[in-house]
Protein backbone atom coordinates (compact mmCIF):
# COMPACT_ATOMS: atom_id res chain seq x y z
CA ASP A 1 -26.79 -17.97 10.29
CA ILE A 2 -26.19 -19.53 6.89
CA LEU A 3 -24.75 -17.73 3.88
CA LYS A 4 -24.80 -19.51 0.51
CA ASN A 5 -22.55 -19.13 -2.54
CA PHE A 6 -20.17 -16.55 -1.05
CA ASP A 7 -17.17 -15.79 -3.30
CA PHE A 8 -13.99 -14.43 -1.70
CA GLY A 9 -12.51 -13.63 -5.10
CA GLY A 10 -8.76 -13.25 -5.54
CA LEU A 11 -5.87 -12.69 -3.20
CA ASP A 12 -6.10 -8.89 -3.08
CA ALA A 13 -8.73 -6.35 -2.05
CA ALA A 14 -9.26 -5.19 -5.63
CA SER A 15 -10.48 -8.61 -6.75
CA ALA A 16 -12.85 -9.38 -3.85
CA VAL A 17 -16.22 -10.44 -5.22
CA ASP A 18 -18.41 -10.52 -2.10
CA ARG A 19 -17.92 -8.71 1.20
CA LEU A 20 -19.59 -8.88 4.60
CA HIS A 21 -20.47 -5.80 6.65
CA PHE A 22 -20.62 -6.11 10.43
CA GLU A 23 -22.27 -3.04 11.93
CA GLY A 24 -21.27 -2.04 15.46
CA THR A 25 -17.95 -3.86 15.61
CA THR A 26 -14.35 -3.19 14.67
CA ILE A 27 -12.49 -5.93 12.80
CA THR A 28 -8.72 -5.61 12.94
CA GLY A 29 -7.53 -9.00 11.72
CA ALA A 30 -8.58 -12.08 9.79
CA SER A 31 -7.17 -15.58 9.67
CA TYR A 32 -7.94 -19.09 8.40
CA VAL A 33 -7.68 -22.26 10.48
CA ASP A 34 -8.29 -25.96 9.91
CA LEU A 35 -9.99 -27.92 12.70
CA GLN A 36 -10.35 -31.63 13.30
CA GLY A 37 -14.02 -32.75 13.35
CA PRO A 38 -14.35 -33.48 17.10
CA GLN A 39 -13.29 -29.90 17.88
CA PHE A 40 -16.42 -28.69 16.09
CA ASN A 41 -19.17 -30.88 17.52
CA THR A 42 -20.50 -28.43 20.18
CA HIS A 43 -20.35 -24.71 20.90
CA LEU A 44 -18.20 -25.45 23.94
CA ALA A 45 -15.74 -27.45 21.83
CA LEU A 46 -15.58 -24.62 19.31
CA GLU A 47 -15.04 -22.06 22.10
CA THR A 48 -12.16 -24.19 23.39
CA ALA A 49 -10.60 -24.62 19.92
CA ILE A 50 -10.97 -20.96 18.91
CA ASN A 51 -9.49 -19.45 22.04
CA GLY A 52 -7.82 -16.08 22.58
CA THR A 53 -4.63 -17.27 20.92
CA VAL A 54 -6.46 -18.20 17.69
CA MET A 55 -8.92 -15.27 17.53
CA GLN A 56 -7.83 -11.93 18.94
CA ALA A 57 -10.26 -9.29 20.16
CA GLY A 58 -11.50 -7.56 17.00
CA GLY A 59 -10.63 -10.60 14.93
CA ALA A 60 -12.31 -12.88 12.46
CA VAL A 61 -11.48 -16.52 11.82
CA LEU A 62 -12.59 -18.63 8.90
CA VAL A 63 -12.76 -22.21 10.19
CA HIS A 64 -12.56 -25.18 7.84
CA VAL A 65 -13.47 -28.58 9.37
CA LEU A 66 -11.20 -31.33 8.07
CA ASN A 67 -12.95 -34.53 9.16
CA GLY A 68 -15.75 -36.06 11.19
CA VAL A 69 -19.46 -35.46 10.80
CA ALA A 70 -18.92 -31.80 9.88
CA ALA A 71 -16.09 -32.45 7.37
CA GLY A 72 -15.96 -29.78 4.68
CA THR A 73 -17.90 -27.24 6.74
CA ASN A 74 -16.72 -23.62 6.62
CA VAL A 75 -17.74 -21.25 9.41
CA LEU A 76 -16.84 -17.60 9.72
CA LEU A 77 -16.47 -16.47 13.34
CA VAL A 78 -16.30 -12.73 14.02
CA ASP A 79 -15.64 -11.08 17.36
CA TYR A 80 -18.50 -8.84 18.44
CA ASN A 81 -17.95 -8.37 22.16
CA GLY A 82 -14.32 -7.19 22.12
CA VAL A 83 -13.08 -10.28 24.01
CA ALA A 84 -10.41 -12.52 22.49
CA GLY A 85 -11.55 -16.03 21.56
CA TYR A 86 -14.92 -17.18 20.28
CA GLN A 87 -17.88 -16.89 22.66
CA ALA A 88 -20.99 -18.60 21.24
CA ALA A 89 -23.43 -16.37 23.11
CA THR A 90 -22.05 -13.06 21.85
CA ASP A 91 -19.89 -13.43 18.73
CA TYR A 92 -21.02 -13.95 15.13
CA ALA A 93 -20.98 -17.48 13.63
CA ILE A 94 -21.91 -17.79 9.97
CA ASN A 95 -22.02 -21.14 8.19
CA LEU A 96 -20.72 -20.61 4.64
CA VAL A 97 -22.29 -23.06 2.18
CA GLY A 98 -20.95 -23.29 -1.37
CA VAL A 99 -18.06 -20.92 -0.68
CA SER A 100 -15.72 -20.10 -3.60
CA ASN A 101 -12.09 -18.99 -3.63
CA ILE A 102 -11.60 -19.68 0.06
CA ALA A 103 -7.84 -19.10 -0.32
CA GLY A 104 -8.67 -15.46 -1.08
CA PHE A 105 -10.12 -14.83 2.43
CA ASP A 106 -8.56 -11.82 4.14
CA LEU A 107 -9.44 -8.67 6.05
CA SER A 108 -10.58 -6.89 2.87
CA ASP A 109 -13.58 -9.25 2.74
CA LEU A 110 -14.92 -7.86 6.02
CA LEU A 111 -16.22 -4.37 6.61
CA ALA A 112 -17.11 -2.88 9.97
């Protein structure tokens, strides 16, 4: 999925501008990671890069691609199946285009 012009707002829950609601899942943590371009070129590569150490069960990870063909891309991955790590077939992957205030990303931006 693609989401355009999402604004994470400030660094606290009170200043969040936009929020995402994920029905049917529990989100217990959120983090931000930078990836090198080649780690993002296929779903398998992304599953390998965003493993159970990077994304816990019930977690969300905002991935920023640093270089390569996908440089500058921001993708929000959210656990849906209750299994640590990103699984392309079952977890959410949302391409964020035109994202603002990315430094403000935290758990308060995600509702379950």
